[in-house]
N, C-alpha and C. Protein backbone atom coordinates (compact mmCIF):
# COMPACT_ATOMS: atom_id res chain seq x y z
N MET A 1 2.94 -10.22 -19.41
CA MET A 1 1.67 -9.57 -19.59
C MET A 1 1.22 -9.03 -18.24
N GLY A 2 0.83 -7.80 -18.20
CA GLY A 2 0.41 -7.17 -16.95
C GLY A 2 -1.08 -7.28 -16.73
N ALA A 3 -1.48 -7.29 -15.47
CA ALA A 3 -2.89 -7.32 -15.11
C ALA A 3 -3.30 -5.95 -14.61
N CYS A 4 -4.55 -5.61 -14.80
CA CYS A 4 -5.02 -4.31 -14.34
C CYS A 4 -6.48 -4.43 -13.93
N ILE A 5 -6.80 -3.89 -12.78
CA ILE A 5 -8.18 -3.78 -12.34
C ILE A 5 -8.48 -2.31 -12.19
N SER A 6 -9.61 -1.88 -12.69
CA SER A 6 -9.93 -0.46 -12.56
C SER A 6 -11.42 -0.27 -12.41
N CYS A 7 -11.78 0.88 -11.92
CA CYS A 7 -13.17 1.29 -11.81
C CYS A 7 -13.31 2.60 -12.57
N GLN A 8 -14.44 2.80 -13.20
CA GLN A 8 -14.65 4.05 -13.92
C GLN A 8 -15.73 4.86 -13.22
N VAL A 9 -15.53 6.14 -13.16
CA VAL A 9 -16.49 7.05 -12.56
C VAL A 9 -17.10 7.89 -13.66
N LYS A 10 -18.41 8.02 -13.64
CA LYS A 10 -19.08 8.81 -14.67
C LYS A 10 -19.00 10.29 -14.39
N GLU A 11 -18.93 10.66 -13.12
CA GLU A 11 -18.96 12.07 -12.78
C GLU A 11 -18.16 12.31 -11.50
N ILE A 12 -17.34 13.32 -11.51
CA ILE A 12 -16.59 13.72 -10.32
C ILE A 12 -16.92 15.17 -10.04
N SER A 13 -17.22 15.45 -8.80
CA SER A 13 -17.55 16.81 -8.40
C SER A 13 -16.38 17.74 -8.67
N PRO A 14 -16.61 18.92 -9.24
CA PRO A 14 -15.52 19.85 -9.52
C PRO A 14 -14.87 20.39 -8.25
N THR A 15 -15.54 20.26 -7.11
CA THR A 15 -14.95 20.75 -5.86
C THR A 15 -14.10 19.68 -5.18
N TRP A 16 -14.13 18.46 -5.71
CA TRP A 16 -13.37 17.37 -5.11
C TRP A 16 -11.89 17.52 -5.42
N SER A 17 -11.07 17.28 -4.43
CA SER A 17 -9.63 17.24 -4.65
C SER A 17 -9.07 16.06 -3.89
N PRO A 18 -8.05 15.40 -4.45
CA PRO A 18 -7.52 14.21 -3.80
C PRO A 18 -6.87 14.55 -2.47
N VAL A 19 -7.00 13.63 -1.52
CA VAL A 19 -6.37 13.78 -0.22
C VAL A 19 -5.08 12.98 -0.23
N VAL A 20 -3.98 13.63 0.07
CA VAL A 20 -2.71 12.93 0.13
C VAL A 20 -2.57 12.36 1.53
N ALA A 21 -2.38 11.06 1.59
CA ALA A 21 -2.26 10.39 2.88
C ALA A 21 -1.25 9.27 2.77
N THR A 22 -0.69 8.91 3.91
CA THR A 22 0.11 7.70 4.01
C THR A 22 -0.85 6.61 4.43
N ARG A 23 -0.79 5.48 3.76
CA ARG A 23 -1.70 4.38 4.08
C ARG A 23 -0.90 3.15 4.50
N VAL A 24 -1.30 2.56 5.62
CA VAL A 24 -0.66 1.34 6.13
C VAL A 24 -1.71 0.24 6.13
N ILE A 25 -1.41 -0.86 5.45
CA ILE A 25 -2.31 -2.00 5.38
C ILE A 25 -1.75 -3.09 6.28
N PHE A 26 -2.57 -3.56 7.21
CA PHE A 26 -2.16 -4.55 8.20
C PHE A 26 -2.56 -5.96 7.77
N PRO A 27 -1.91 -6.99 8.34
CA PRO A 27 -2.20 -8.38 7.96
C PRO A 27 -3.66 -8.79 8.12
N ASP A 28 -4.37 -8.16 9.07
CA ASP A 28 -5.78 -8.50 9.27
C ASP A 28 -6.69 -7.82 8.24
N GLY A 29 -6.10 -7.08 7.31
CA GLY A 29 -6.88 -6.42 6.27
C GLY A 29 -7.33 -5.02 6.63
N SER A 30 -6.97 -4.56 7.82
CA SER A 30 -7.36 -3.20 8.20
C SER A 30 -6.44 -2.19 7.54
N LEU A 31 -6.96 -0.99 7.38
CA LEU A 31 -6.23 0.09 6.74
C LEU A 31 -6.19 1.28 7.68
N GLN A 32 -5.01 1.81 7.90
CA GLN A 32 -4.85 3.02 8.70
C GLN A 32 -4.36 4.11 7.77
N GLU A 33 -5.07 5.24 7.76
CA GLU A 33 -4.67 6.37 6.92
C GLU A 33 -4.17 7.51 7.80
N TYR A 34 -3.10 8.13 7.36
CA TYR A 34 -2.53 9.27 8.07
C TYR A 34 -2.48 10.45 7.10
N SER A 35 -3.17 11.51 7.45
CA SER A 35 -3.15 12.71 6.61
C SER A 35 -1.93 13.55 6.96
N VAL A 36 -1.80 14.65 6.27
CA VAL A 36 -0.67 15.55 6.52
C VAL A 36 -0.71 16.07 7.96
N HIS A 37 -1.90 16.14 8.56
CA HIS A 37 -2.03 16.68 9.92
C HIS A 37 -1.65 15.68 11.00
N ASP A 38 -1.86 14.38 10.76
CA ASP A 38 -1.53 13.38 11.77
C ASP A 38 -0.51 12.38 11.25
N HIS A 39 0.28 12.82 10.30
CA HIS A 39 1.24 11.95 9.62
C HIS A 39 2.33 11.46 10.56
N PRO A 40 2.51 10.12 10.67
CA PRO A 40 3.59 9.61 11.50
C PRO A 40 4.92 9.81 10.79
N LYS A 41 5.87 10.35 11.45
CA LYS A 41 7.16 10.62 10.80
C LYS A 41 8.01 9.36 10.70
N THR A 42 7.91 8.49 11.69
CA THR A 42 8.74 7.28 11.70
C THR A 42 7.87 6.07 12.00
N ILE A 43 8.46 4.90 11.81
CA ILE A 43 7.75 3.65 12.04
C ILE A 43 7.27 3.53 13.47
N SER A 44 8.06 3.99 14.42
CA SER A 44 7.67 3.86 15.83
C SER A 44 6.35 4.56 16.12
N MET A 45 6.00 5.56 15.34
CA MET A 45 4.76 6.30 15.54
C MET A 45 3.55 5.55 14.98
N VAL A 46 3.77 4.50 14.17
CA VAL A 46 2.67 3.71 13.62
C VAL A 46 2.16 2.73 14.66
N GLY A 47 3.01 2.32 15.58
CA GLY A 47 2.60 1.43 16.66
C GLY A 47 2.60 -0.04 16.30
N LEU A 48 3.59 -0.48 15.54
CA LEU A 48 3.70 -1.91 15.21
C LEU A 48 4.22 -2.68 16.41
N ASN A 49 3.81 -3.95 16.50
CA ASN A 49 4.40 -4.77 17.56
C ASN A 49 5.77 -5.27 17.10
N ASP A 50 6.51 -5.90 18.00
CA ASP A 50 7.89 -6.31 17.72
C ASP A 50 8.01 -7.39 16.64
N ASN A 51 6.92 -8.05 16.32
CA ASN A 51 6.96 -9.12 15.32
C ASN A 51 6.63 -8.64 13.91
N MET A 52 6.51 -7.32 13.74
CA MET A 52 6.10 -6.75 12.46
C MET A 52 7.16 -5.78 11.91
N PHE A 53 7.11 -5.57 10.60
CA PHE A 53 7.91 -4.53 9.97
C PHE A 53 7.07 -3.87 8.89
N LEU A 54 7.47 -2.68 8.48
CA LEU A 54 6.78 -1.97 7.40
C LEU A 54 7.56 -2.12 6.12
N CYS A 55 6.84 -2.35 5.04
CA CYS A 55 7.43 -2.47 3.71
C CYS A 55 6.72 -1.49 2.79
N ASN A 56 7.48 -0.66 2.10
CA ASN A 56 6.91 0.28 1.13
C ASN A 56 6.46 -0.52 -0.09
N ALA A 57 5.21 -0.34 -0.51
CA ALA A 57 4.68 -1.08 -1.65
C ALA A 57 5.51 -0.85 -2.91
N ASP A 58 6.10 0.32 -3.04
CA ASP A 58 6.93 0.61 -4.22
C ASP A 58 8.20 -0.22 -4.26
N ASP A 59 8.59 -0.80 -3.14
CA ASP A 59 9.81 -1.61 -3.09
C ASP A 59 9.57 -3.09 -3.37
N LEU A 60 8.32 -3.47 -3.60
CA LEU A 60 7.99 -4.88 -3.85
C LEU A 60 8.19 -5.21 -5.31
N GLN A 61 9.08 -6.17 -5.59
CA GLN A 61 9.36 -6.60 -6.96
C GLN A 61 9.52 -8.10 -7.00
N PHE A 62 8.97 -8.72 -8.06
CA PHE A 62 9.19 -10.16 -8.25
C PHE A 62 10.69 -10.41 -8.32
N GLY A 63 11.13 -11.46 -7.67
CA GLY A 63 12.55 -11.78 -7.68
C GLY A 63 13.35 -11.01 -6.66
N GLY A 64 12.77 -9.96 -6.11
CA GLY A 64 13.43 -9.20 -5.04
C GLY A 64 13.12 -9.84 -3.70
N CYS A 65 13.45 -9.14 -2.66
CA CYS A 65 13.18 -9.62 -1.30
C CYS A 65 12.32 -8.61 -0.57
N PHE A 66 11.62 -9.08 0.45
CA PHE A 66 10.88 -8.18 1.33
C PHE A 66 11.89 -7.37 2.12
N VAL A 67 11.84 -6.06 1.97
CA VAL A 67 12.77 -5.15 2.64
C VAL A 67 11.97 -4.23 3.55
N GLY A 68 12.42 -4.09 4.76
CA GLY A 68 11.74 -3.22 5.71
C GLY A 68 12.20 -1.78 5.60
N VAL A 69 11.31 -0.88 5.96
CA VAL A 69 11.66 0.53 6.05
C VAL A 69 12.47 0.69 7.33
N GLY A 70 13.59 1.37 7.24
CA GLY A 70 14.46 1.56 8.41
C GLY A 70 13.77 2.35 9.51
N SER A 71 14.10 2.03 10.74
CA SER A 71 13.44 2.68 11.88
C SER A 71 13.73 4.18 11.93
N ASN A 72 14.81 4.61 11.28
CA ASN A 72 15.14 6.04 11.27
C ASN A 72 14.67 6.74 9.99
N GLN A 73 14.02 6.01 9.10
CA GLN A 73 13.53 6.61 7.85
C GLN A 73 12.16 7.24 8.07
N PHE A 74 11.91 8.32 7.37
CA PHE A 74 10.62 8.99 7.43
C PHE A 74 9.64 8.30 6.50
N LEU A 75 8.40 8.19 6.93
CA LEU A 75 7.35 7.68 6.07
C LEU A 75 6.94 8.78 5.11
N GLN A 76 6.64 8.41 3.88
CA GLN A 76 6.35 9.38 2.83
C GLN A 76 4.85 9.54 2.62
N LEU A 77 4.40 10.78 2.58
CA LEU A 77 3.00 11.05 2.25
C LEU A 77 2.70 10.52 0.85
N GLY A 78 1.53 9.95 0.68
CA GLY A 78 1.13 9.43 -0.62
C GLY A 78 1.56 8.00 -0.87
N GLN A 79 2.33 7.42 0.03
CA GLN A 79 2.81 6.06 -0.15
C GLN A 79 1.90 5.06 0.54
N ILE A 80 1.95 3.83 0.06
CA ILE A 80 1.26 2.71 0.70
C ILE A 80 2.33 1.83 1.32
N TYR A 81 2.10 1.44 2.55
CA TYR A 81 3.00 0.54 3.27
C TYR A 81 2.21 -0.68 3.71
N PHE A 82 2.88 -1.83 3.70
CA PHE A 82 2.30 -3.05 4.24
C PHE A 82 2.99 -3.35 5.56
N ALA A 83 2.20 -3.62 6.61
CA ALA A 83 2.73 -4.13 7.86
C ALA A 83 2.77 -5.64 7.69
N LEU A 84 3.96 -6.21 7.80
CA LEU A 84 4.15 -7.64 7.53
C LEU A 84 4.85 -8.32 8.70
N PRO A 85 4.63 -9.63 8.85
CA PRO A 85 5.34 -10.35 9.91
C PRO A 85 6.83 -10.43 9.60
N LYS A 86 7.65 -10.35 10.63
CA LYS A 86 9.11 -10.36 10.43
C LYS A 86 9.61 -11.65 9.81
N THR A 87 8.81 -12.70 9.82
CA THR A 87 9.23 -13.95 9.18
C THR A 87 9.41 -13.77 7.67
N LEU A 88 8.80 -12.73 7.11
CA LEU A 88 8.95 -12.45 5.67
C LEU A 88 10.16 -11.59 5.35
N LEU A 89 10.73 -10.94 6.34
CA LEU A 89 11.83 -10.01 6.13
C LEU A 89 13.00 -10.70 5.42
N ASN A 90 13.45 -10.11 4.33
CA ASN A 90 14.56 -10.58 3.49
C ASN A 90 14.26 -11.88 2.75
N ARG A 91 13.02 -12.33 2.77
CA ARG A 91 12.63 -13.52 2.02
C ARG A 91 12.33 -13.13 0.58
N PRO A 92 12.66 -13.98 -0.40
CA PRO A 92 12.33 -13.67 -1.80
C PRO A 92 10.82 -13.52 -2.00
N ILE A 93 10.44 -12.61 -2.89
CA ILE A 93 9.04 -12.34 -3.17
C ILE A 93 8.59 -13.20 -4.35
N ALA A 94 7.59 -14.03 -4.11
CA ALA A 94 7.05 -14.90 -5.15
C ALA A 94 5.76 -14.30 -5.71
N SER A 95 5.31 -14.83 -6.82
CA SER A 95 4.10 -14.31 -7.45
C SER A 95 2.88 -14.46 -6.54
N ASP A 96 2.81 -15.55 -5.76
CA ASP A 96 1.67 -15.70 -4.87
C ASP A 96 1.70 -14.67 -3.73
N ASP A 97 2.91 -14.24 -3.33
CA ASP A 97 3.02 -13.16 -2.34
C ASP A 97 2.43 -11.87 -2.89
N MET A 98 2.77 -11.56 -4.14
CA MET A 98 2.26 -10.34 -4.77
C MET A 98 0.74 -10.41 -4.91
N ALA A 99 0.23 -11.58 -5.27
CA ALA A 99 -1.22 -11.74 -5.40
C ALA A 99 -1.92 -11.54 -4.06
N LYS A 100 -1.36 -12.11 -3.00
CA LYS A 100 -1.96 -11.96 -1.66
C LYS A 100 -1.95 -10.50 -1.21
N LEU A 101 -0.84 -9.81 -1.45
CA LEU A 101 -0.76 -8.41 -1.04
C LEU A 101 -1.70 -7.53 -1.86
N THR A 102 -1.82 -7.83 -3.14
CA THR A 102 -2.75 -7.09 -3.99
C THR A 102 -4.18 -7.28 -3.50
N ASN A 103 -4.55 -8.53 -3.23
CA ASN A 103 -5.89 -8.80 -2.72
C ASN A 103 -6.12 -8.14 -1.37
N ARG A 104 -5.11 -8.15 -0.52
CA ARG A 104 -5.22 -7.51 0.79
C ARG A 104 -5.45 -6.01 0.63
N ALA A 105 -4.72 -5.39 -0.30
CA ALA A 105 -4.88 -3.95 -0.52
C ALA A 105 -6.27 -3.63 -1.05
N ILE A 106 -6.73 -4.38 -2.03
CA ILE A 106 -8.06 -4.14 -2.60
C ILE A 106 -9.12 -4.30 -1.52
N SER A 107 -9.00 -5.35 -0.72
CA SER A 107 -9.97 -5.60 0.35
C SER A 107 -9.94 -4.50 1.40
N ALA A 108 -8.75 -4.06 1.78
CA ALA A 108 -8.61 -3.01 2.80
C ALA A 108 -9.24 -1.71 2.32
N PHE A 109 -9.03 -1.35 1.07
CA PHE A 109 -9.63 -0.13 0.54
C PHE A 109 -11.14 -0.26 0.46
N ALA A 110 -11.62 -1.42 0.04
CA ALA A 110 -13.07 -1.63 -0.06
C ALA A 110 -13.73 -1.53 1.32
N LYS A 111 -13.12 -2.16 2.34
CA LYS A 111 -13.66 -2.10 3.70
C LYS A 111 -13.70 -0.68 4.24
N SER A 112 -12.76 0.13 3.79
CA SER A 112 -12.69 1.52 4.25
C SER A 112 -13.57 2.45 3.44
N GLY A 113 -14.28 1.90 2.45
CA GLY A 113 -15.17 2.72 1.64
C GLY A 113 -14.45 3.55 0.60
N ILE A 114 -13.22 3.18 0.29
CA ILE A 114 -12.44 3.91 -0.70
C ILE A 114 -12.56 3.18 -2.03
N VAL A 115 -13.01 3.88 -3.04
CA VAL A 115 -13.08 3.33 -4.38
C VAL A 115 -11.82 3.80 -5.09
N VAL A 116 -11.08 2.87 -5.65
CA VAL A 116 -9.81 3.24 -6.27
C VAL A 116 -9.68 2.60 -7.64
N THR A 117 -8.80 3.19 -8.43
CA THR A 117 -8.28 2.49 -9.59
C THR A 117 -6.87 2.12 -9.21
N MET A 118 -6.47 0.92 -9.52
CA MET A 118 -5.16 0.47 -9.09
C MET A 118 -4.53 -0.37 -10.19
N GLU A 119 -3.35 0.00 -10.61
CA GLU A 119 -2.59 -0.84 -11.50
C GLU A 119 -1.95 -1.90 -10.62
N LEU A 120 -2.26 -3.16 -10.89
CA LEU A 120 -1.79 -4.21 -10.00
C LEU A 120 -0.35 -4.61 -10.26
N PHE A 121 0.06 -4.54 -11.49
CA PHE A 121 1.38 -5.05 -11.82
C PHE A 121 1.95 -4.23 -12.96
N GLU A 122 3.18 -3.81 -12.81
CA GLU A 122 3.86 -3.09 -13.88
C GLU A 122 4.79 -4.05 -14.59
N GLU A 123 4.45 -4.37 -15.82
CA GLU A 123 5.20 -5.36 -16.58
C GLU A 123 6.67 -4.96 -16.75
N LYS A 124 6.93 -3.70 -16.99
CA LYS A 124 8.29 -3.26 -17.28
C LYS A 124 9.22 -3.40 -16.08
N THR A 125 8.67 -3.22 -14.87
CA THR A 125 9.52 -3.25 -13.68
C THR A 125 9.30 -4.48 -12.82
N ASN A 126 8.32 -5.32 -13.16
CA ASN A 126 7.99 -6.49 -12.36
C ASN A 126 7.71 -6.13 -10.91
N SER A 127 7.06 -5.02 -10.70
CA SER A 127 6.84 -4.57 -9.33
C SER A 127 5.37 -4.32 -9.05
N PHE A 128 5.05 -4.31 -7.77
CA PHE A 128 3.71 -3.95 -7.31
C PHE A 128 3.54 -2.47 -7.60
N ALA A 129 2.45 -2.10 -8.22
CA ALA A 129 2.21 -0.70 -8.53
C ALA A 129 1.23 -0.13 -7.52
N SER A 130 1.68 0.81 -6.75
CA SER A 130 0.82 1.37 -5.71
C SER A 130 0.23 2.71 -6.11
N LYS A 131 0.16 2.94 -7.39
CA LYS A 131 -0.43 4.20 -7.85
C LYS A 131 -1.95 4.12 -7.67
N LEU A 132 -2.49 4.99 -6.87
CA LEU A 132 -3.91 4.96 -6.57
C LEU A 132 -4.57 6.24 -7.01
N THR A 133 -5.78 6.11 -7.44
CA THR A 133 -6.63 7.26 -7.66
C THR A 133 -7.85 7.07 -6.77
N VAL A 134 -7.99 7.89 -5.77
CA VAL A 134 -9.13 7.79 -4.87
C VAL A 134 -10.32 8.47 -5.52
N ILE A 135 -11.43 7.78 -5.56
CA ILE A 135 -12.62 8.29 -6.22
C ILE A 135 -13.72 8.42 -5.17
N PRO A 136 -14.30 9.60 -5.03
CA PRO A 136 -15.36 9.76 -4.04
C PRO A 136 -16.59 8.96 -4.43
N GLU A 137 -17.29 8.44 -3.41
CA GLU A 137 -18.50 7.67 -3.70
C GLU A 137 -19.69 8.57 -3.88
């Protein structure tokens, strides 16, 4: 059974258009957004310390392992990445890990003033669903 948290908006301005950005969520709950104009091409441009790695939220699956984005891979616009401690690298992902990351993402977006609808869990794929709809306040 899948869980879902959502927010409904009664009215959206017709001039509003979604902003495509790469979002990195850090362990302290902070959120860094990169637009197409300041988009970091590689992990080294995000400025992680040596004890951290980036994990694409789309790669998180129950029963899978925490996998880092390669240092030579390009970051994708529209994706959410988690900056995680290297102690988690290649460790199996448990349900409490998914819950913590989901809560971290919700908190990071709320602190940044971003109202989103977010599917928390996709039952068919057992994965973290990072599909976001940004809603203007």
